[in-house]
Amino acid sequence: MLDLFSRTTFLLVFCSIPYHLCQNPTTCKVPTVPPIIFHDPIEHAGVWYEYSAYTPGIIDYQCTNIFIPLGAGIENGVPYNWTISFRMKVPNKDPECIGICSVSNITGDGVRASATWFPDFGAFLTGSGPGKAPSLANVRYFVLYMDPFMQIVYRCNNASGDSCSQPFFFVNIRSKPTEAMPHLATYINKTTDNVLAPYCFSSSNFTLTDWTSNIPPCLPQWDANYTDCQNLIEKTRQKSSFDVWSAIKRMHRQQQRLLHLV
């Protein structure tokens, strides 16, 4: 009988192979709520580009995440206006421009609690989009890994008790994939393999986000289509209790001091 440490070691060594070959219903469940990954939530600020994703049946083009801090008390995390813009492949049409607008509170335990306005994906996927107006959903995302260059984020699309039967994973990086140096692909894939090995997923399960097709960038009409999201952004900003940009500068100075001590 393997103890917890031995089981984890076994998974890390042997489970970085494709999910369908490694899945074990007793040891390789994807938890609805994964282990805590502590980090500074202000590190999310700015632009992240989707490098790859595990979202079966969905192909993304030029997916860009933008996090604009709205200010908050440090103990309660940092609230953001988080927008996602991308193009999505739909039947018999050019890739459609999709916008997702959120007000998301990110805490130091890696949880993104988000009030998110999603478009009518069903209408887009059947080729009859844009369909209904964006609808509100309360969604939790979890940061599984974070460093200055990349992050791995998880959302459970269909929970079954304490395990997730339909996990979605996203790998985001700080530079556009078309501009990233070739050797970084090895780093991204190895990191993805190591982080997701306990869940019997690997980088081979992911689909690279398309940044090479000659299609125009996606520019959603945030003000026109996401009025409710914009109203919540303004209310959250008005409740802010400290200067976020001063906090970012302070964190940067602390990092620089630590670099000199190493």
C-alpha atoms as a PDB file:
ATOM      1  CA  MET A   1       0.000   0.000   0.000  1.00  0.00           C
ATOM      2  CA  LEU A   2       1.552   3.292  -1.099  1.00  0.00           C
ATOM      3  CA  ASP A   3       1.631   6.084   1.455  1.00  0.00           C
ATOM      4  CA  LEU A   4       0.690   9.597   0.331  1.00  0.00           C
ATOM      5  CA  PHE A   5       4.294  10.633  -0.359  1.00  0.00           C
ATOM      6  CA  SER A   6       5.060   7.495  -2.359  1.00  0.00           C
ATOM      7  CA  ARG A   7       1.844   7.777  -4.326  1.00  0.00           C
ATOM      8  CA  THR A   8       2.571  11.407  -5.205  1.00  0.00           C
ATOM      9  CA  THR A   9       6.129  10.506  -6.241  1.00  0.00           C
ATOM     10  CA  PHE A  10       4.807   7.665  -8.412  1.00  0.00           C
ATOM     11  CA  LEU A  11       2.374   9.974 -10.159  1.00  0.00           C
ATOM     12  CA  LEU A  12       4.967  12.663 -10.756  1.00  0.00           C
ATOM     13  CA  VAL A  13       7.332  10.155 -12.337  1.00  0.00           C
ATOM     14  CA  PHE A  14       4.959   7.980 -14.322  1.00  0.00           C
ATOM     15  CA  CYS A  15       1.841  10.000 -15.055  1.00  0.00           C
ATOM     16  CA  SER A  16       3.238  12.596 -17.454  1.00  0.00           C
ATOM     17  CA  ILE A  17       1.875  10.541 -20.366  1.00  0.00           C
ATOM     18  CA  PRO A  18      -1.373  11.136 -22.244  1.00  0.00           C
ATOM     19  CA  TYR A  19      -4.443  11.237 -20.019  1.00  0.00           C
ATOM     20  CA  HIS A  20      -6.306   8.339 -21.657  1.00  0.00           C
ATOM     21  CA  LEU A  21      -3.312   6.019 -21.078  1.00  0.00           C
ATOM     22  CA  CYS A  22      -2.722   6.952 -17.466  1.00  0.00           C
ATOM     23  CA  GLN A  23      -6.116   7.726 -15.964  1.00  0.00           C
ATOM     24  CA  ASN A  24      -6.787   5.804 -12.778  1.00  0.00           C
ATOM     25  CA  PRO A  25     -10.202   6.341 -11.180  1.00  0.00           C
ATOM     26  CA  THR A  26      -8.831   5.967  -7.646  1.00  0.00           C
ATOM     27  CA  THR A  27      -5.659   8.045  -7.819  1.00  0.00           C
ATOM     28  CA  CYS A  28      -5.992  10.362 -10.808  1.00  0.00           C
ATOM     29  CA  LYS A  29      -9.160  12.293 -10.176  1.00  0.00           C
ATOM     30  CA  VAL A  30      -9.045  16.005 -10.854  1.00  0.00           C
ATOM     31  CA  PRO A  31     -10.255  17.573  -7.594  1.00  0.00           C
ATOM     32  CA  THR A  32     -13.042  20.112  -7.725  1.00  0.00           C
ATOM     33  CA  VAL A  33     -10.932  22.259  -5.382  1.00  0.00           C
ATOM     34  CA  PRO A  34      -7.193  21.669  -5.969  1.00  0.00           C
ATOM     35  CA  PRO A  35      -4.380  22.158  -3.422  1.00  0.00           C
ATOM     36  CA  ILE A  36      -3.589  25.746  -2.475  1.00  0.00           C
ATOM     37  CA  ILE A  37      -0.814  27.490  -4.417  1.00  0.00           C
ATOM     38  CA  PHE A  38       0.295  30.586  -2.508  1.00  0.00           C
ATOM     39  CA  HIS A  39       1.340  33.618  -4.550  1.00  0.00           C
ATOM     40  CA  ASP A  40       0.964  37.398  -4.571  1.00  0.00           C
ATOM     41  CA  PRO A  41      -2.327  38.210  -6.355  1.00  0.00           C
ATOM     42  CA  ILE A  42      -0.968  41.525  -7.664  1.00  0.00           C
ATOM     43  CA  GLU A  43       1.297  39.491  -9.964  1.00  0.00           C
ATOM     44  CA  HIS A  44      -1.684  38.848 -12.242  1.00  0.00           C
ATOM     45  CA  ALA A  45      -1.837  42.500 -13.320  1.00  0.00           C
ATOM     46  CA  GLY A  46      -1.313  43.186 -17.005  1.00  0.00           C
ATOM     47  CA  VAL A  47      -1.584  41.104 -20.164  1.00  0.00           C
ATOM     48  CA  TRP A  48      -1.374  37.322 -20.478  1.00  0.00           C
ATOM     49  CA  TYR A  49      -1.503  35.466 -23.801  1.00  0.00           C
ATOM     50  CA  GLU A  50      -2.999  32.005 -24.030  1.00  0.00           C
ATOM     51  CA  TYR A  51      -0.343  29.558 -25.186  1.00  0.00           C
ATOM     52  CA  SER A  52      -2.406  26.370 -25.077  1.00  0.00           C
ATOM     53  CA  ALA A  53      -5.582  25.004 -23.549  1.00  0.00           C
ATOM     54  CA  TYR A  54      -7.405  21.811 -22.723  1.00  0.00           C
ATOM     55  CA  THR A  55     -10.989  22.653 -23.721  1.00  0.00           C
ATOM     56  CA  PRO A  56     -12.187  19.709 -25.835  1.00  0.00           C
ATOM     57  CA  GLY A  57     -14.176  20.742 -28.896  1.00  0.00           C
ATOM     58  CA  ILE A  58     -13.151  24.407 -28.736  1.00  0.00           C
ATOM     59  CA  ILE A  59     -10.352  25.924 -30.829  1.00  0.00           C
ATOM     60  CA  ASP A  60      -9.142  29.364 -29.761  1.00  0.00           C
ATOM     61  CA  TYR A  61      -7.465  31.986 -31.921  1.00  0.00           C
ATOM     62  CA  GLN A  62      -5.415  34.871 -30.516  1.00  0.00           C
ATOM     63  CA  CYS A  63      -6.743  34.567 -26.963  1.00  0.00           C
ATOM     64  CA  THR A  64      -5.694  37.520 -24.770  1.00  0.00           C
ATOM     65  CA  ASN A  65      -6.330  37.967 -21.031  1.00  0.00           C
ATOM     66  CA  ILE A  66      -6.102  41.469 -19.550  1.00  0.00           C
ATOM     67  CA  PHE A  67      -6.170  42.085 -15.783  1.00  0.00           C
ATOM     68  CA  ILE A  68      -6.752  45.675 -14.651  1.00  0.00           C
ATOM     69  CA  PRO A  69      -6.530  46.063 -10.835  1.00  0.00           C
ATOM     70  CA  LEU A  70      -9.444  47.863  -9.226  1.00  0.00           C
ATOM     71  CA  GLY A  71      -7.878  48.173  -5.759  1.00  0.00           C
ATOM     72  CA  ALA A  72      -8.691  46.344  -2.523  1.00  0.00           C
ATOM     73  CA  GLY A  73      -7.658  45.571   1.039  1.00  0.00           C
ATOM     74  CA  ILE A  74      -4.549  43.363   1.054  1.00  0.00           C
ATOM     75  CA  GLU A  75      -6.102  40.705   3.331  1.00  0.00           C
ATOM     76  CA  ASN A  76      -9.028  40.267   0.957  1.00  0.00           C
ATOM     77  CA  GLY A  77      -7.008  39.860  -2.222  1.00  0.00           C
ATOM     78  CA  VAL A  78      -7.064  42.111  -5.260  1.00  0.00           C
ATOM     79  CA  PRO A  79     -10.172  42.638  -7.427  1.00  0.00           C
ATOM     80  CA  TYR A  80      -9.642  42.934 -11.156  1.00  0.00           C
ATOM     81  CA  ASN A  81     -11.523  43.792 -14.267  1.00  0.00           C
ATOM     82  CA  TRP A  82     -10.567  40.639 -16.166  1.00  0.00           C
ATOM     83  CA  THR A  83     -11.389  40.548 -19.869  1.00  0.00           C
ATOM     84  CA  ILE A  84     -10.773  37.731 -22.326  1.00  0.00           C
ATOM     85  CA  SER A  85     -10.895  38.351 -26.067  1.00  0.00           C
ATOM     86  CA  PHE A  86     -10.412  35.660 -28.687  1.00  0.00           C
ATOM     87  CA  ARG A  87     -11.760  34.236 -31.886  1.00  0.00           C
ATOM     88  CA  MET A  88     -13.518  30.880 -31.881  1.00  0.00           C
ATOM     89  CA  LYS A  89     -13.931  28.458 -34.741  1.00  0.00           C
ATOM     90  CA  VAL A  90     -17.599  28.077 -35.730  1.00  0.00           C
ATOM     91  CA  PRO A  91     -19.327  26.062 -38.488  1.00  0.00           C
ATOM     92  CA  ASN A  92     -19.165  27.434 -42.028  1.00  0.00           C
ATOM     93  CA  LYS A  93     -17.963  30.883 -40.960  1.00  0.00           C
ATOM     94  CA  ASP A  94     -14.789  32.760 -40.242  1.00  0.00           C
ATOM     95  CA  PRO A  95     -13.715  32.580 -36.568  1.00  0.00           C
ATOM     96  CA  GLU A  96     -16.076  34.716 -34.483  1.00  0.00           C
ATOM     97  CA  CYS A  97     -14.828  37.461 -32.132  1.00  0.00           C
ATOM     98  CA  ILE A  98     -15.742  36.537 -28.544  1.00  0.00           C
ATOM     99  CA  GLY A  99     -15.530  38.712 -25.429  1.00  0.00           C
ATOM    100  CA  ILE A 100     -15.804  37.587 -21.797  1.00  0.00           C
ATOM    101  CA  CYS A 101     -16.007  40.253 -19.100  1.00  0.00           C
ATOM    102  CA  SER A 102     -15.409  39.555 -15.401  1.00  0.00           C
ATOM    103  CA  VAL A 103     -14.954  41.252 -12.090  1.00  0.00           C
ATOM    104  CA  SER A 104     -12.660  38.776 -10.392  1.00  0.00           C
ATOM    105  CA  ASN A 105     -11.260  38.806  -6.869  1.00  0.00           C
ATOM    106  CA  ILE A 106      -7.912  36.991  -6.712  1.00  0.00           C
ATOM    107  CA  THR A 107      -6.586  35.902  -3.333  1.00  0.00           C
ATOM    108  CA  GLY A 108      -3.182  34.646  -2.258  1.00  0.00           C
ATOM    109  CA  ASP A 109      -4.344  31.029  -2.114  1.00  0.00           C
ATOM    110  CA  GLY A 110      -4.728  30.922  -5.902  1.00  0.00           C
ATOM    111  CA  VAL A 111      -8.510  31.305  -6.115  1.00  0.00           C
ATOM    112  CA  ARG A 112     -10.158  33.586  -8.694  1.00  0.00           C
ATOM    113  CA  ALA A 113     -13.755  34.160  -7.636  1.00  0.00           C
ATOM    114  CA  SER A 114     -15.349  35.739 -10.685  1.00  0.00           C
ATOM    115  CA  ALA A 115     -18.625  37.361 -11.600  1.00  0.00           C
ATOM    116  CA  THR A 116     -18.406  36.581 -15.303  1.00  0.00           C
ATOM    117  CA  TRP A 117     -20.563  37.613 -18.233  1.00  0.00           C
ATOM    118  CA  PHE A 118     -20.372  34.896 -20.902  1.00  0.00           C
ATOM    119  CA  PRO A 119     -21.710  35.256 -24.454  1.00  0.00           C
ATOM    120  CA  ASP A 120     -24.183  32.766 -25.879  1.00  0.00           C
ATOM    121  CA  PHE A 121     -21.654  30.066 -26.804  1.00  0.00           C
ATOM    122  CA  GLY A 122     -24.367  27.701 -28.017  1.00  0.00           C
ATOM    123  CA  ALA A 123     -25.429  30.174 -30.701  1.00  0.00           C
ATOM    124  CA  PHE A 124     -21.841  30.644 -31.853  1.00  0.00           C
ATOM    125  CA  LEU A 125     -21.075  26.920 -31.964  1.00  0.00           C
ATOM    126  CA  THR A 126     -24.162  26.196 -34.079  1.00  0.00           C
ATOM    127  CA  GLY A 127     -23.352  29.043 -36.442  1.00  0.00           C
ATOM    128  CA  SER A 128     -26.409  31.096 -35.462  1.00  0.00           C
ATOM    129  CA  GLY A 129     -24.549  33.588 -33.214  1.00  0.00           C
ATOM    130  CA  PRO A 130     -24.303  36.018 -31.597  1.00  0.00           C
ATOM    131  CA  GLY A 131     -27.591  34.889 -30.010  1.00  0.00           C
ATOM    132  CA  LYS A 132     -28.735  36.137 -26.613  1.00  0.00           C
ATOM    133  CA  ALA A 133     -27.126  38.923 -24.596  1.00  0.00           C
ATOM    134  CA  PRO A 134     -24.222  37.939 -22.305  1.00  0.00           C
ATOM    135  CA  SER A 135     -25.392  36.112 -19.177  1.00  0.00           C
ATOM    136  CA  LEU A 136     -23.939  36.248 -15.670  1.00  0.00           C
ATOM    137  CA  ALA A 137     -22.332  33.236 -13.997  1.00  0.00           C
ATOM    138  CA  ASN A 138     -20.369  32.990 -10.769  1.00  0.00           C
ATOM    139  CA  VAL A 139     -17.265  30.981 -11.595  1.00  0.00           C
ATOM    140  CA  ARG A 140     -14.198  29.928  -9.643  1.00  0.00           C
ATOM    141  CA  TYR A 141     -10.829  29.516 -11.306  1.00  0.00           C
ATOM    142  CA  PHE A 142      -7.777  28.086  -9.570  1.00  0.00           C
ATOM    143  CA  VAL A 143      -4.143  28.953 -10.186  1.00  0.00           C
ATOM    144  CA  LEU A 144      -2.200  25.674 -10.277  1.00  0.00           C
ATOM    145  CA  TYR A 145       1.139  27.283 -11.100  1.00  0.00           C
ATOM    146  CA  MET A 146       2.519  30.810 -11.330  1.00  0.00           C
ATOM    147  CA  ASP A 147       5.903  32.317 -12.145  1.00  0.00           C
ATOM    148  CA  PRO A 148       6.874  35.660 -13.743  1.00  0.00           C
ATOM    149  CA  PHE A 149       6.590  34.158 -17.242  1.00  0.00           C
ATOM    150  CA  MET A 150       3.733  31.633 -17.180  1.00  0.00           C
ATOM    151  CA  GLN A 151       0.678  30.486 -15.297  1.00  0.00           C
ATOM    152  CA  ILE A 152      -1.491  27.372 -15.392  1.00  0.00           C
ATOM    153  CA  VAL A 153      -5.146  27.938 -14.553  1.00  0.00           C
ATOM    154  CA  TYR A 154      -7.935  25.424 -13.972  1.00  0.00           C
ATOM    155  CA  ARG A 155     -11.722  25.626 -14.030  1.00  0.00           C
ATOM    156  CA  CYS A 156     -14.102  22.764 -13.367  1.00  0.00           C
ATOM    157  CA  ASN A 157     -16.821  22.817 -15.991  1.00  0.00           C
ATOM    158  CA  ASN A 158     -18.770  19.938 -14.437  1.00  0.00           C
ATOM    159  CA  ALA A 159     -18.244  18.822 -10.843  1.00  0.00           C
ATOM    160  CA  SER A 160     -19.213  15.439  -9.431  1.00  0.00           C
ATOM    161  CA  GLY A 161     -18.792  15.583  -5.684  1.00  0.00           C
ATOM    162  CA  ASP A 162     -15.171  16.285  -4.800  1.00  0.00           C
ATOM    163  CA  SER A 163     -13.890  15.449  -8.305  1.00  0.00           C
ATOM    164  CA  CYS A 164     -14.277  17.158 -11.664  1.00  0.00           C
ATOM    165  CA  SER A 165     -15.582  15.188 -14.624  1.00  0.00           C
ATOM    166  CA  GLN A 166     -14.957  18.001 -17.130  1.00  0.00           C
ATOM    167  CA  PRO A 167     -11.828  19.997 -16.270  1.00  0.00           C
ATOM    168  CA  PHE A 168     -10.621  22.911 -18.372  1.00  0.00           C
ATOM    169  CA  PHE A 169      -6.943  23.921 -18.216  1.00  0.00           C
ATOM    170  CA  PHE A 170      -5.269  27.018 -19.621  1.00  0.00           C
ATOM    171  CA  VAL A 171      -1.572  27.861 -20.043  1.00  0.00           C
ATOM    172  CA  ASN A 172      -0.939  31.614 -20.306  1.00  0.00           C
ATOM    173  CA  ILE A 173       2.372  33.395 -20.881  1.00  0.00           C
ATOM    174  CA  ARG A 174       3.572  36.983 -20.732  1.00  0.00           C
ATOM    175  CA  SER A 175       4.700  37.290 -24.360  1.00  0.00           C
ATOM    176  CA  LYS A 176       2.818  36.563 -27.556  1.00  0.00           C
ATOM    177  CA  PRO A 177       3.504  32.947 -28.548  1.00  0.00           C
ATOM    178  CA  THR A 178       4.702  34.110 -31.976  1.00  0.00           C
ATOM    179  CA  GLU A 179       7.335  36.269 -30.256  1.00  0.00           C
ATOM    180  CA  ALA A 180       8.450  33.781 -27.579  1.00  0.00           C
ATOM    181  CA  MET A 181      11.905  32.269 -28.058  1.00  0.00           C
ATOM    182  CA  PRO A 182      11.761  28.673 -29.371  1.00  0.00           C
ATOM    183  CA  HIS A 183      13.522  27.158 -26.353  1.00  0.00           C
ATOM    184  CA  LEU A 184      10.698  28.414 -24.097  1.00  0.00           C
ATOM    185  CA  ALA A 185       8.350  25.806 -25.584  1.00  0.00           C
ATOM    186  CA  THR A 186      10.377  23.102 -23.845  1.00  0.00           C
ATOM    187  CA  TYR A 187      10.169  24.969 -20.548  1.00  0.00           C
ATOM    188  CA  ILE A 188       6.406  25.504 -20.904  1.00  0.00           C
ATOM    189  CA  ASN A 189       5.726  21.868 -21.771  1.00  0.00           C
ATOM    190  CA  LYS A 190       7.924  20.453 -18.994  1.00  0.00           C
ATOM    191  CA  THR A 191       6.328  22.750 -16.436  1.00  0.00           C
ATOM    192  CA  THR A 192       2.861  21.762 -17.624  1.00  0.00           C
ATOM    193  CA  ASP A 193       3.798  18.075 -17.441  1.00  0.00           C
ATOM    194  CA  ASN A 194       5.109  18.398 -13.881  1.00  0.00           C
ATOM    195  CA  VAL A 195       2.169  20.421 -12.566  1.00  0.00           C
ATOM    196  CA  LEU A 196      -0.551  18.236 -14.101  1.00  0.00           C
ATOM    197  CA  ALA A 197       1.123  14.846 -13.603  1.00  0.00           C
ATOM    198  CA  PRO A 198      -0.810  14.126 -10.354  1.00  0.00           C
ATOM    199  CA  TYR A 199      -4.026  14.476 -12.363  1.00  0.00           C
ATOM    200  CA  CYS A 200      -2.750  12.293 -15.243  1.00  0.00           C
ATOM    201  CA  PHE A 201      -2.738  15.121 -17.760  1.00  0.00           C
ATOM    202  CA  SER A 202       0.240  16.366 -19.742  1.00  0.00           C
ATOM    203  CA  SER A 203       1.069  18.971 -22.367  1.00  0.00           C
ATOM    204  CA  SER A 204       0.282  16.359 -25.035  1.00  0.00           C
ATOM    205  CA  ASN A 205      -3.405  16.675 -24.106  1.00  0.00           C
ATOM    206  CA  PHE A 206      -3.412  20.386 -24.887  1.00  0.00           C
ATOM    207  CA  THR A 207      -4.222  22.203 -28.119  1.00  0.00           C
ATOM    208  CA  LEU A 208      -1.963  25.091 -29.046  1.00  0.00           C
ATOM    209  CA  THR A 209      -3.832  28.367 -29.333  1.00  0.00           C
ATOM    210  CA  ASP A 210      -3.685  29.572 -32.939  1.00  0.00           C
ATOM    211  CA  TRP A 211      -1.642  32.779 -33.250  1.00  0.00           C
ATOM    212  CA  THR A 212      -0.456  32.260 -36.826  1.00  0.00           C
ATOM    213  CA  SER A 213      -3.653  32.354 -38.925  1.00  0.00           C
ATOM    214  CA  ASN A 214      -4.075  35.495 -40.976  1.00  0.00           C
ATOM    215  CA  ILE A 215      -7.227  36.776 -39.286  1.00  0.00           C
ATOM    216  CA  PRO A 216      -7.900  40.230 -37.809  1.00  0.00           C
ATOM    217  CA  PRO A 217      -7.580  40.708 -34.044  1.00  0.00           C
ATOM    218  CA  CYS A 218     -10.687  40.392 -31.894  1.00  0.00           C
ATOM    219  CA  LEU A 219     -11.903  43.732 -30.487  1.00  0.00           C
ATOM    220  CA  PRO A 220     -15.106  43.176 -28.464  1.00  0.00           C
ATOM    221  CA  GLN A 221     -17.470  46.084 -27.858  1.00  0.00           C
ATOM    222  CA  TRP A 222     -17.179  46.117 -24.070  1.00  0.00           C
ATOM    223  CA  ASP A 223     -19.232  49.243 -23.362  1.00  0.00           C
ATOM    224  CA  ALA A 224     -22.058  48.360 -25.720  1.00  0.00           C
ATOM    225  CA  ASN A 225     -22.447  44.649 -24.910  1.00  0.00           C
ATOM    226  CA  TYR A 226     -21.394  44.374 -21.274  1.00  0.00           C
ATOM    227  CA  THR A 227     -23.184  47.195 -19.472  1.00  0.00           C
ATOM    228  CA  ASP A 228     -23.788  45.160 -16.304  1.00  0.00           C
ATOM    229  CA  CYS A 229     -20.122  44.199 -16.116  1.00  0.00           C
ATOM    230  CA  GLN A 230     -19.061  47.809 -16.562  1.00  0.00           C
ATOM    231  CA  ASN A 231     -21.419  48.902 -13.778  1.00  0.00           C
ATOM    232  CA  LEU A 232     -19.930  46.353 -11.381  1.00  0.00           C
ATOM    233  CA  ILE A 233     -16.413  47.459 -12.343  1.00  0.00           C
ATOM    234  CA  GLU A 234     -17.263  51.031 -11.380  1.00  0.00           C
ATOM    235  CA  LYS A 235     -18.877  50.010  -8.078  1.00  0.00           C
ATOM    236  CA  THR A 236     -15.844  47.886  -7.181  1.00  0.00           C
ATOM    237  CA  ARG A 237     -13.443  50.687  -8.059  1.00  0.00           C
ATOM    238  CA  GLN A 238     -15.347  53.110  -5.816  1.00  0.00           C
ATOM    239  CA  LYS A 239     -14.996  50.737  -2.852  1.00  0.00           C
ATOM    240  CA  SER A 240     -11.204  50.451  -3.278  1.00  0.00           C
ATOM    241  CA  SER A 241      -9.262  51.070  -0.101  1.00  0.00           C
ATOM    242  CA  PHE A 242      -5.645  51.370  -1.208  1.00  0.00           C
ATOM    243  CA  ASP A 243      -3.512  52.510  -4.128  1.00  0.00           C
ATOM    244  CA  VAL A 244      -2.903  49.399  -6.244  1.00  0.00           C
ATOM    245  CA  TRP A 245      -0.164  50.963  -8.332  1.00  0.00           C
ATOM    246  CA  SER A 246       1.794  51.945  -5.236  1.00  0.00           C
ATOM    247  CA  ALA A 247       1.486  48.331  -4.110  1.00  0.00           C
ATOM    248  CA  ILE A 248       2.881  47.136  -7.438  1.00  0.00           C
ATOM    249  CA  LYS A 249       5.855  49.500  -7.163  1.00  0.00           C
ATOM    250  CA  ARG A 250       6.474  48.392  -3.569  1.00  0.00           C
ATOM    251  CA  MET A 251       6.406  44.721  -4.602  1.00  0.00           C
ATOM    252  CA  HIS A 252       8.852  45.446  -7.444  1.00  0.00           C
ATOM    253  CA  ARG A 253      11.294  47.160  -5.056  1.00  0.00           C
ATOM    254  CA  GLN A 254      11.093  44.200  -2.681  1.00  0.00           C
ATOM    255  CA  GLN A 255      11.835  41.781  -5.522  1.00  0.00           C
ATOM    256  CA  GLN A 256      14.843  43.826  -6.593  1.00  0.00           C
ATOM    257  CA  ARG A 257      16.237  43.781  -3.039  1.00  0.00           C
ATOM    258  CA  LEU A 258      15.793  40.020  -2.861  1.00  0.00           C
ATOM    259  CA  LEU A 259      17.658  39.593  -6.156  1.00  0.00           C
ATOM    260  CA  HIS A 260      20.643  41.457  -4.723  1.00  0.00           C
ATOM    261  CA  LEU A 261      20.676  39.197  -1.669  1.00  0.00           C
ATOM    262  CA  VAL A 262      20.740  35.943  -3.664  1.00  0.00           C
END
